[in-house]
Amino acid sequence: MLMFACACRRKLWLLVLLLMLAPLTQAQRQAPEAELKAAIMVNMLLFVDWPSQGGRAADRLTLCYLDARPVPLALSQLDGKLLKGKPLQVVRVDAAALAGCHALYLSPPDGASLPRIVSNLPASGILLMGDSPGYLQRGAMINLEIEGGRVVFDIDLKSVRQAGLVLSSKALRLARHVLE
């Protein structure tokens, strides 16, 4: 009887320990949304070829943003990462000063600037990325959204081509939707 009581107590302590550790292991498996979106956007840059014109530096990839929200802060943590043998430079810019950007991230509050930015982008060689519902239909080339607890992305291939960019077929296969 004493052995049975000890075995029950051990099982109870093991159960309590597992219940205490479960939230920690779950948190380790799930990156915060902003960090996950930032990582996906930076990795998308690996699948893009830019034209040589445009006043952009050839020795680095410059990812610009307009508004310091959670995603740009997460992007800033990736500043200096090597992509295609070049360091990533993450910089905050004004909507009127995009010439040095390879890519531009638009956060949800940047929606008011979107029409003006899009009208100045054709053939600019700037990849326009966002993470707000409806941004793809309003001119973003790559738009991230949350679906079923996962980050997914859509691509407007026509806009990508109009900007003079070439996007790898690998990225197209990973996209949820590709508009042509």
N, C-alpha and C. Protein backbone atom coordinates (compact mmCIF):
# COMPACT_ATOMS: atom_id res chain seq x y z
N MET A 1 0.82 -1.20 0.00
CA MET A 1 0.00 0.00 0.00
C MET A 1 0.86 1.26 0.00
N LEU A 2 1.94 1.23 0.78
CA LEU A 2 2.85 2.36 0.84
C LEU A 2 3.50 2.60 -0.52
N MET A 3 3.86 1.51 -1.21
CA MET A 3 4.46 1.61 -2.54
C MET A 3 3.48 2.24 -3.54
N PHE A 4 2.22 1.87 -3.44
CA PHE A 4 1.20 2.42 -4.33
C PHE A 4 1.05 3.91 -4.10
N ALA A 5 1.08 4.37 -2.84
CA ALA A 5 0.95 5.79 -2.51
C ALA A 5 2.15 6.57 -3.03
N CYS A 6 3.35 6.01 -2.93
CA CYS A 6 4.56 6.68 -3.45
C CYS A 6 4.50 6.80 -4.97
N ALA A 7 4.05 5.76 -5.63
CA ALA A 7 3.95 5.78 -7.09
C ALA A 7 2.92 6.82 -7.54
N CYS A 8 1.82 6.93 -6.81
CA CYS A 8 0.80 7.92 -7.15
C CYS A 8 1.34 9.34 -6.97
N ARG A 9 2.08 9.54 -5.88
CA ARG A 9 2.64 10.87 -5.64
C ARG A 9 3.66 11.24 -6.72
N ARG A 10 4.48 10.29 -7.12
CA ARG A 10 5.45 10.56 -8.18
C ARG A 10 4.75 10.94 -9.48
N LYS A 11 3.69 10.23 -9.80
CA LYS A 11 2.94 10.53 -11.02
C LYS A 11 2.30 11.90 -10.92
N LEU A 12 1.78 12.23 -9.75
CA LEU A 12 1.17 13.52 -9.55
C LEU A 12 2.20 14.64 -9.72
N TRP A 13 3.40 14.47 -9.12
CA TRP A 13 4.46 15.48 -9.25
C TRP A 13 4.93 15.60 -10.71
N LEU A 14 5.01 14.48 -11.39
CA LEU A 14 5.40 14.50 -12.79
C LEU A 14 4.35 15.26 -13.62
N LEU A 15 3.09 15.01 -13.34
CA LEU A 15 2.01 15.71 -14.04
C LEU A 15 2.07 17.20 -13.77
N VAL A 16 2.28 17.59 -12.51
CA VAL A 16 2.38 19.01 -12.16
C VAL A 16 3.58 19.65 -12.87
N LEU A 17 4.70 18.96 -12.90
CA LEU A 17 5.89 19.46 -13.56
C LEU A 17 5.65 19.65 -15.06
N LEU A 18 5.02 18.68 -15.69
CA LEU A 18 4.71 18.78 -17.12
C LEU A 18 3.76 19.93 -17.41
N LEU A 19 2.76 20.12 -16.56
CA LEU A 19 1.83 21.22 -16.74
C LEU A 19 2.51 22.57 -16.57
N MET A 20 3.49 22.64 -15.67
CA MET A 20 4.21 23.89 -15.46
C MET A 20 5.12 24.20 -16.65
N LEU A 21 5.72 23.19 -17.26
CA LEU A 21 6.65 23.39 -18.36
C LEU A 21 5.95 23.55 -19.71
N ALA A 22 4.73 23.12 -19.85
CA ALA A 22 4.02 23.17 -21.13
C ALA A 22 3.97 24.58 -21.73
N PRO A 23 3.61 25.61 -20.96
CA PRO A 23 3.59 26.96 -21.57
C PRO A 23 4.97 27.41 -22.05
N LEU A 24 6.03 27.02 -21.34
CA LEU A 24 7.37 27.41 -21.76
C LEU A 24 7.75 26.77 -23.09
N THR A 25 7.48 25.48 -23.24
CA THR A 25 7.82 24.82 -24.49
C THR A 25 6.95 25.34 -25.63
N GLN A 26 5.69 25.65 -25.37
CA GLN A 26 4.81 26.20 -26.39
C GLN A 26 5.31 27.57 -26.82
N ALA A 27 5.73 28.40 -25.89
CA ALA A 27 6.22 29.74 -26.22
C ALA A 27 7.49 29.66 -27.05
N GLN A 28 8.34 28.67 -26.78
CA GLN A 28 9.57 28.53 -27.54
C GLN A 28 9.28 28.11 -28.98
N ARG A 29 8.22 27.36 -29.20
CA ARG A 29 7.88 26.91 -30.55
C ARG A 29 7.23 28.01 -31.37
N GLN A 30 6.62 28.99 -30.75
CA GLN A 30 5.92 30.03 -31.48
C GLN A 30 6.67 31.36 -31.35
N ALA A 31 7.19 31.84 -32.48
CA ALA A 31 7.84 33.14 -32.47
C ALA A 31 6.76 34.21 -32.47
N PRO A 32 7.04 35.36 -31.90
CA PRO A 32 6.07 36.45 -31.96
C PRO A 32 5.76 36.78 -33.42
N GLU A 33 4.53 37.21 -33.67
CA GLU A 33 4.07 37.48 -35.03
C GLU A 33 4.97 38.46 -35.78
N ALA A 34 5.37 39.54 -35.13
CA ALA A 34 6.21 40.54 -35.80
C ALA A 34 7.54 39.94 -36.23
N GLU A 35 8.16 39.14 -35.38
CA GLU A 35 9.44 38.52 -35.71
C GLU A 35 9.29 37.52 -36.85
N LEU A 36 8.20 36.79 -36.85
CA LEU A 36 7.95 35.82 -37.90
C LEU A 36 7.73 36.53 -39.24
N LYS A 37 6.94 37.59 -39.24
CA LYS A 37 6.72 38.35 -40.47
C LYS A 37 8.02 38.96 -40.98
N ALA A 38 8.81 39.50 -40.08
CA ALA A 38 10.09 40.10 -40.47
C ALA A 38 11.00 39.05 -41.10
N ALA A 39 11.07 37.88 -40.50
CA ALA A 39 11.92 36.82 -41.05
C ALA A 39 11.45 36.39 -42.43
N ILE A 40 10.15 36.28 -42.62
CA ILE A 40 9.61 35.89 -43.93
C ILE A 40 9.95 36.95 -44.96
N MET A 41 9.76 38.22 -44.63
CA MET A 41 10.05 39.29 -45.59
C MET A 41 11.53 39.31 -45.96
N VAL A 42 12.39 39.18 -44.99
CA VAL A 42 13.83 39.18 -45.28
C VAL A 42 14.19 37.98 -46.15
N ASN A 43 13.62 36.82 -45.84
CA ASN A 43 13.91 35.64 -46.65
C ASN A 43 13.36 35.77 -48.07
N MET A 44 12.27 36.52 -48.24
CA MET A 44 11.73 36.75 -49.59
C MET A 44 12.73 37.50 -50.45
N LEU A 45 13.57 38.33 -49.85
CA LEU A 45 14.57 39.08 -50.60
C LEU A 45 15.56 38.15 -51.30
N LEU A 46 15.71 36.95 -50.77
CA LEU A 46 16.61 35.97 -51.40
C LEU A 46 16.10 35.52 -52.76
N PHE A 47 14.80 35.67 -53.00
CA PHE A 47 14.17 35.17 -54.22
C PHE A 47 13.95 36.26 -55.27
N VAL A 48 14.51 37.45 -55.04
CA VAL A 48 14.28 38.58 -55.95
C VAL A 48 15.59 38.98 -56.62
N ASP A 49 15.49 39.29 -57.93
CA ASP A 49 16.60 39.89 -58.66
C ASP A 49 16.19 41.29 -59.05
N TRP A 50 17.06 42.27 -58.74
CA TRP A 50 16.78 43.67 -59.01
C TRP A 50 17.52 44.13 -60.26
N PRO A 51 16.93 45.10 -60.98
CA PRO A 51 17.67 45.71 -62.09
C PRO A 51 18.82 46.53 -61.54
N SER A 52 19.82 46.79 -62.35
CA SER A 52 21.00 47.50 -61.86
C SER A 52 20.78 49.00 -61.69
N GLN A 53 19.77 49.57 -62.34
CA GLN A 53 19.54 51.02 -62.21
C GLN A 53 18.80 51.34 -60.92
N GLY A 54 18.57 52.61 -60.70
CA GLY A 54 17.72 53.02 -59.60
C GLY A 54 18.44 53.73 -58.47
N GLY A 55 19.75 53.92 -58.55
CA GLY A 55 20.45 54.64 -57.50
C GLY A 55 20.64 53.85 -56.22
N ARG A 56 20.40 52.55 -56.28
CA ARG A 56 20.59 51.71 -55.09
C ARG A 56 22.03 51.23 -55.01
N ALA A 57 22.51 51.08 -53.81
CA ALA A 57 23.87 50.57 -53.60
C ALA A 57 23.93 49.11 -54.03
N ALA A 58 24.98 48.75 -54.76
CA ALA A 58 25.14 47.38 -55.23
C ALA A 58 25.81 46.49 -54.18
N ASP A 59 26.40 47.10 -53.16
CA ASP A 59 27.14 46.32 -52.17
C ASP A 59 26.30 45.90 -50.97
N ARG A 60 25.01 46.24 -50.97
CA ARG A 60 24.12 45.85 -49.86
C ARG A 60 22.68 45.80 -50.37
N LEU A 61 21.83 45.15 -49.59
CA LEU A 61 20.39 45.14 -49.87
C LEU A 61 19.74 46.05 -48.83
N THR A 62 19.01 47.04 -49.30
CA THR A 62 18.41 48.01 -48.39
C THR A 62 16.91 47.78 -48.30
N LEU A 63 16.46 47.46 -47.11
CA LEU A 63 15.05 47.27 -46.80
C LEU A 63 14.58 48.48 -46.01
N CYS A 64 13.66 49.23 -46.58
CA CYS A 64 13.19 50.46 -45.97
C CYS A 64 11.82 50.28 -45.34
N TYR A 65 11.50 51.15 -44.40
CA TYR A 65 10.17 51.20 -43.80
C TYR A 65 9.86 52.65 -43.46
N LEU A 66 8.57 52.93 -43.32
CA LEU A 66 8.13 54.30 -43.06
C LEU A 66 7.80 54.56 -41.60
N ASP A 67 7.23 53.57 -40.93
CA ASP A 67 6.67 53.76 -39.60
C ASP A 67 7.22 52.71 -38.65
N ALA A 68 7.75 53.12 -37.53
CA ALA A 68 8.34 52.20 -36.57
C ALA A 68 7.26 51.50 -35.75
N ARG A 69 6.77 50.42 -36.23
CA ARG A 69 5.79 49.58 -35.55
C ARG A 69 6.48 48.27 -35.17
N PRO A 70 5.77 47.29 -34.68
CA PRO A 70 6.43 46.05 -34.26
C PRO A 70 7.21 45.33 -35.36
N VAL A 71 6.69 45.26 -36.58
CA VAL A 71 7.42 44.54 -37.64
C VAL A 71 8.72 45.26 -38.00
N PRO A 72 8.71 46.58 -38.22
CA PRO A 72 9.99 47.24 -38.50
C PRO A 72 11.01 47.10 -37.37
N LEU A 73 10.54 47.07 -36.14
CA LEU A 73 11.47 46.86 -35.03
C LEU A 73 12.09 45.47 -35.11
N ALA A 74 11.29 44.49 -35.51
CA ALA A 74 11.81 43.13 -35.69
C ALA A 74 12.74 43.08 -36.91
N LEU A 75 12.41 43.83 -37.96
CA LEU A 75 13.28 43.91 -39.13
C LEU A 75 14.64 44.48 -38.74
N SER A 76 14.63 45.50 -37.89
CA SER A 76 15.87 46.14 -37.47
C SER A 76 16.81 45.16 -36.77
N GLN A 77 16.25 44.16 -36.13
CA GLN A 77 17.09 43.15 -35.47
C GLN A 77 17.83 42.28 -36.47
N LEU A 78 17.38 42.29 -37.73
CA LEU A 78 18.03 41.51 -38.78
C LEU A 78 19.01 42.35 -39.59
N ASP A 79 19.18 43.62 -39.23
CA ASP A 79 20.12 44.51 -39.91
C ASP A 79 21.52 43.90 -39.85
N GLY A 80 22.18 43.87 -40.99
CA GLY A 80 23.53 43.31 -41.06
C GLY A 80 23.58 41.85 -41.49
N LYS A 81 22.44 41.18 -41.51
CA LYS A 81 22.39 39.78 -41.94
C LYS A 81 22.84 39.70 -43.40
N LEU A 82 23.62 38.67 -43.73
CA LEU A 82 24.08 38.52 -45.10
C LEU A 82 23.02 37.84 -45.94
N LEU A 83 22.68 38.48 -47.08
CA LEU A 83 21.73 37.95 -48.05
C LEU A 83 22.39 38.03 -49.41
N LYS A 84 22.50 36.91 -50.08
CA LYS A 84 23.14 36.88 -51.40
C LYS A 84 24.55 37.46 -51.33
N GLY A 85 25.22 37.24 -50.22
CA GLY A 85 26.58 37.73 -50.05
C GLY A 85 26.69 39.22 -49.74
N LYS A 86 25.55 39.86 -49.49
CA LYS A 86 25.53 41.30 -49.19
C LYS A 86 24.87 41.53 -47.84
N PRO A 87 25.34 42.52 -47.09
CA PRO A 87 24.68 42.80 -45.82
C PRO A 87 23.32 43.47 -46.04
N LEU A 88 22.38 43.13 -45.20
CA LEU A 88 21.07 43.76 -45.20
C LEU A 88 21.17 45.05 -44.42
N GLN A 89 20.64 46.11 -44.99
CA GLN A 89 20.57 47.39 -44.30
C GLN A 89 19.10 47.73 -44.12
N VAL A 90 18.66 47.86 -42.89
CA VAL A 90 17.26 48.18 -42.58
C VAL A 90 17.22 49.64 -42.13
N VAL A 91 16.47 50.47 -42.88
CA VAL A 91 16.47 51.90 -42.58
C VAL A 91 15.06 52.48 -42.64
N ARG A 92 14.82 53.44 -41.78
CA ARG A 92 13.57 54.19 -41.81
C ARG A 92 13.74 55.34 -42.80
N VAL A 93 12.75 55.53 -43.67
CA VAL A 93 12.82 56.58 -44.68
C VAL A 93 11.53 57.36 -44.72
N ASP A 94 11.58 58.45 -45.42
CA ASP A 94 10.39 59.25 -45.71
C ASP A 94 9.81 58.74 -47.02
N ALA A 95 8.50 58.83 -47.19
CA ALA A 95 7.84 58.33 -48.40
C ALA A 95 8.36 59.00 -49.66
N ALA A 96 8.95 60.17 -49.55
CA ALA A 96 9.47 60.88 -50.72
C ALA A 96 10.91 60.49 -51.04
N ALA A 97 11.55 59.70 -50.18
CA ALA A 97 12.97 59.38 -50.37
C ALA A 97 13.19 57.87 -50.45
N LEU A 98 12.65 57.26 -51.50
CA LEU A 98 12.72 55.80 -51.63
C LEU A 98 13.78 55.32 -52.62
N ALA A 99 14.47 56.23 -53.28
CA ALA A 99 15.37 55.87 -54.37
C ALA A 99 16.43 54.85 -53.98
N GLY A 100 16.92 54.88 -52.78
CA GLY A 100 17.98 53.96 -52.37
C GLY A 100 17.48 52.62 -51.86
N CYS A 101 16.17 52.41 -51.88
CA CYS A 101 15.58 51.19 -51.32
C CYS A 101 15.50 50.06 -52.35
N HIS A 102 15.84 48.86 -51.94
CA HIS A 102 15.57 47.67 -52.75
C HIS A 102 14.16 47.18 -52.48
N ALA A 103 13.74 47.31 -51.22
CA ALA A 103 12.40 46.87 -50.82
C ALA A 103 11.85 47.88 -49.81
N LEU A 104 10.53 47.98 -49.79
CA LEU A 104 9.85 48.88 -48.85
C LEU A 104 8.76 48.10 -48.15
N TYR A 105 8.79 48.13 -46.83
CA TYR A 105 7.73 47.51 -46.03
C TYR A 105 6.75 48.59 -45.61
N LEU A 106 5.46 48.31 -45.83
CA LEU A 106 4.39 49.22 -45.40
C LEU A 106 3.60 48.56 -44.28
N SER A 107 3.54 49.22 -43.14
CA SER A 107 2.78 48.70 -42.00
C SER A 107 1.32 49.11 -42.15
N PRO A 108 0.43 48.56 -41.34
CA PRO A 108 -0.98 48.93 -41.44
C PRO A 108 -1.27 50.43 -41.42
N PRO A 109 -0.62 51.23 -40.57
CA PRO A 109 -0.92 52.68 -40.59
C PRO A 109 -0.43 53.40 -41.85
N ASP A 110 0.41 52.76 -42.66
CA ASP A 110 0.92 53.39 -43.87
C ASP A 110 -0.08 53.36 -45.02
N GLY A 111 -1.26 52.82 -44.80
CA GLY A 111 -2.26 52.68 -45.84
C GLY A 111 -2.63 54.00 -46.51
N ALA A 112 -2.61 55.09 -45.78
CA ALA A 112 -2.95 56.39 -46.36
C ALA A 112 -1.91 56.82 -47.39
N SER A 113 -0.66 56.41 -47.22
CA SER A 113 0.41 56.75 -48.16
C SER A 113 0.48 55.82 -49.35
N LEU A 114 -0.20 54.69 -49.27
CA LEU A 114 -0.08 53.65 -50.29
C LEU A 114 -0.38 54.13 -51.71
N PRO A 115 -1.49 54.85 -51.98
CA PRO A 115 -1.75 55.28 -53.37
C PRO A 115 -0.65 56.16 -53.95
N ARG A 116 -0.13 57.07 -53.15
CA ARG A 116 0.94 57.96 -53.61
C ARG A 116 2.22 57.18 -53.89
N ILE A 117 2.55 56.24 -53.02
CA ILE A 117 3.76 55.43 -53.19
C ILE A 117 3.64 54.55 -54.43
N VAL A 118 2.50 53.90 -54.58
CA VAL A 118 2.30 52.99 -55.71
C VAL A 118 2.37 53.75 -57.03
N SER A 119 1.83 54.95 -57.06
CA SER A 119 1.84 55.72 -58.32
C SER A 119 3.26 56.11 -58.74
N ASN A 120 4.18 56.16 -57.79
CA ASN A 120 5.57 56.51 -58.10
C ASN A 120 6.47 55.29 -58.29
N LEU A 121 5.93 54.07 -58.13
CA LEU A 121 6.76 52.88 -58.18
C LEU A 121 6.94 52.19 -59.54
N PRO A 122 6.06 52.34 -60.51
CA PRO A 122 6.25 51.56 -61.74
C PRO A 122 7.68 51.68 -62.27
N ALA A 123 8.25 50.54 -62.59
CA ALA A 123 9.61 50.43 -63.13
C ALA A 123 10.68 51.02 -62.21
N SER A 124 10.38 51.15 -60.93
CA SER A 124 11.36 51.72 -59.99
C SER A 124 12.33 50.68 -59.47
N GLY A 125 11.97 49.42 -59.57
CA GLY A 125 12.83 48.36 -59.04
C GLY A 125 12.73 48.21 -57.54
N ILE A 126 11.68 48.73 -56.93
CA ILE A 126 11.50 48.60 -55.48
C ILE A 126 10.40 47.58 -55.22
N LEU A 127 10.73 46.59 -54.42
CA LEU A 127 9.77 45.56 -54.02
C LEU A 127 8.92 46.12 -52.88
N LEU A 128 7.62 46.17 -53.08
CA LEU A 128 6.71 46.73 -52.08
C LEU A 128 6.04 45.59 -51.32
N MET A 129 6.27 45.55 -50.00
CA MET A 129 5.72 44.48 -49.16
C MET A 129 4.87 45.08 -48.05
N GLY A 130 3.83 44.36 -47.66
CA GLY A 130 2.98 44.81 -46.58
C GLY A 130 2.42 43.63 -45.81
N ASP A 131 1.62 43.94 -44.81
CA ASP A 131 1.00 42.87 -44.01
C ASP A 131 -0.38 43.28 -43.54
N SER A 132 -1.13 43.87 -44.45
CA SER A 132 -2.47 44.34 -44.11
C SER A 132 -3.48 43.83 -45.12
N PRO A 133 -4.64 43.39 -44.66
CA PRO A 133 -5.66 42.94 -45.61
C PRO A 133 -5.96 44.03 -46.64
N GLY A 134 -6.02 43.64 -47.89
CA GLY A 134 -6.32 44.56 -48.97
C GLY A 134 -5.12 45.26 -49.58
N TYR A 135 -3.95 45.15 -48.98
CA TYR A 135 -2.77 45.83 -49.53
C TYR A 135 -2.39 45.27 -50.90
N LEU A 136 -2.56 43.99 -51.13
CA LEU A 136 -2.21 43.40 -52.42
C LEU A 136 -3.07 44.02 -53.52
N GLN A 137 -4.34 44.22 -53.25
CA GLN A 137 -5.25 44.80 -54.24
C GLN A 137 -4.99 46.30 -54.42
N ARG A 138 -4.28 46.91 -53.48
CA ARG A 138 -4.01 48.35 -53.55
C ARG A 138 -2.59 48.65 -54.04
N GLY A 139 -1.83 47.63 -54.42
CA GLY A 139 -0.53 47.89 -55.02
C GLY A 139 0.67 47.20 -54.40
N ALA A 140 0.52 46.59 -53.24
CA ALA A 140 1.65 45.85 -52.67
C ALA A 140 1.95 44.65 -53.57
N MET A 141 3.20 44.29 -53.66
CA MET A 141 3.61 43.16 -54.50
C MET A 141 3.59 41.85 -53.73
N ILE A 142 3.92 41.94 -52.46
CA ILE A 142 3.87 40.78 -51.56
C ILE A 142 3.14 41.24 -50.31
N ASN A 143 2.13 40.48 -49.91
CA ASN A 143 1.37 40.85 -48.72
C ASN A 143 1.23 39.64 -47.81
N LEU A 144 1.58 39.83 -46.55
CA LEU A 144 1.47 38.77 -45.56
C LEU A 144 0.18 38.92 -44.78
N GLU A 145 -0.43 37.79 -44.44
CA GLU A 145 -1.63 37.78 -43.62
C GLU A 145 -1.58 36.57 -42.70
N ILE A 146 -2.41 36.60 -41.69
CA ILE A 146 -2.55 35.47 -40.77
C ILE A 146 -3.76 34.66 -41.21
N GLU A 147 -3.56 33.36 -41.38
CA GLU A 147 -4.65 32.47 -41.76
C GLU A 147 -4.50 31.17 -40.96
N GLY A 148 -5.48 30.86 -40.19
CA GLY A 148 -5.43 29.64 -39.38
C GLY A 148 -4.26 29.61 -38.42
N GLY A 149 -3.89 30.77 -37.90
CA GLY A 149 -2.80 30.83 -36.94
C GLY A 149 -1.42 30.81 -37.58
N ARG A 150 -1.35 30.85 -38.91
CA ARG A 150 -0.07 30.81 -39.63
C ARG A 150 0.08 32.07 -40.48
N VAL A 151 1.31 32.47 -40.72
CA VAL A 151 1.57 33.58 -41.62
C VAL A 151 1.65 33.03 -43.03
N VAL A 152 0.83 33.58 -43.92
CA VAL A 152 0.83 33.20 -45.33
C VAL A 152 1.09 34.47 -46.15
N PHE A 153 1.47 34.30 -47.40
CA PHE A 153 1.68 35.48 -48.22
C PHE A 153 1.12 35.27 -49.62
N ASP A 154 0.74 36.39 -50.22
CA ASP A 154 0.23 36.43 -51.58
C ASP A 154 1.16 37.32 -52.40
N ILE A 155 1.21 37.06 -53.71
CA ILE A 155 2.11 37.79 -54.59
C ILE A 155 1.31 38.34 -55.78
N ASP A 156 1.54 39.61 -56.10
CA ASP A 156 0.99 40.21 -57.31
C ASP A 156 2.13 40.22 -58.32
N LEU A 157 2.20 39.16 -59.13
CA LEU A 157 3.30 38.97 -60.06
C LEU A 157 3.32 40.06 -61.14
N LYS A 158 2.16 40.55 -61.53
CA LYS A 158 2.09 41.61 -62.54
C LYS A 158 2.80 42.86 -62.02
N SER A 159 2.53 43.25 -60.78
CA SER A 159 3.18 44.42 -60.19
C SER A 159 4.68 44.22 -60.03
N VAL A 160 5.07 43.01 -59.68
CA VAL A 160 6.49 42.68 -59.54
C VAL A 160 7.19 42.91 -60.88
N ARG A 161 6.60 42.40 -61.94
CA ARG A 161 7.19 42.54 -63.28
C ARG A 161 7.20 43.99 -63.75
N GLN A 162 6.12 44.73 -63.45
CA GLN A 162 6.06 46.14 -63.84
C GLN A 162 7.16 46.96 -63.17
N ALA A 163 7.58 46.54 -61.99
CA ALA A 163 8.65 47.23 -61.28
C ALA A 163 10.03 46.84 -61.81
N GLY A 164 10.07 45.92 -62.78
CA GLY A 164 11.34 45.50 -63.35
C GLY A 164 12.05 44.46 -62.51
N LEU A 165 11.34 43.81 -61.61
CA LEU A 165 11.92 42.80 -60.74
C LEU A 165 11.66 41.41 -61.29
N VAL A 166 12.53 40.48 -60.92
CA VAL A 166 12.34 39.08 -61.28
C VAL A 166 12.22 38.30 -59.98
N LEU A 167 11.13 37.56 -59.85
CA LEU A 167 10.87 36.78 -58.64
C LEU A 167 11.01 35.30 -58.97
N SER A 168 11.76 34.59 -58.17
CA SER A 168 12.01 33.17 -58.39
C SER A 168 10.73 32.35 -58.33
N SER A 169 10.68 31.32 -59.15
CA SER A 169 9.52 30.42 -59.15
C SER A 169 9.40 29.70 -57.81
N LYS A 170 10.48 29.59 -57.05
CA LYS A 170 10.42 28.97 -55.72
C LYS A 170 9.50 29.77 -54.80
N ALA A 171 9.60 31.10 -54.86
CA ALA A 171 8.74 31.95 -54.03
C ALA A 171 7.29 31.83 -54.48
N LEU A 172 7.09 31.73 -55.78
CA LEU A 172 5.73 31.61 -56.31
C LEU A 172 5.06 30.32 -55.84
N ARG A 173 5.84 29.25 -55.74
CA ARG A 173 5.28 27.97 -55.28
C ARG A 173 4.91 28.01 -53.80
N LEU A 174 5.59 28.85 -53.02
CA LEU A 174 5.31 28.94 -51.59
C LEU A 174 4.13 29.85 -51.27
N ALA A 175 3.76 30.69 -52.23
CA ALA A 175 2.69 31.66 -52.00
C ALA A 175 1.33 30.99 -51.88
N ARG A 176 0.46 31.59 -51.08
CA ARG A 176 -0.92 31.12 -50.97
C ARG A 176 -1.66 31.42 -52.27
N HIS A 177 -1.51 32.65 -52.78
CA HIS A 177 -2.15 33.08 -54.03
C HIS A 177 -1.14 33.87 -54.84
N VAL A 178 -1.17 33.70 -56.16
CA VAL A 178 -0.36 34.49 -57.07
C VAL A 178 -1.30 35.14 -58.08
N LEU A 179 -1.29 36.47 -58.10
CA LEU A 179 -2.10 37.20 -59.08
C LEU A 179 -1.21 37.49 -60.28
N GLU A 180 -1.74 37.21 -61.47
CA GLU A 180 -0.94 37.47 -62.69
C GLU A 180 -1.58 38.48 -63.58
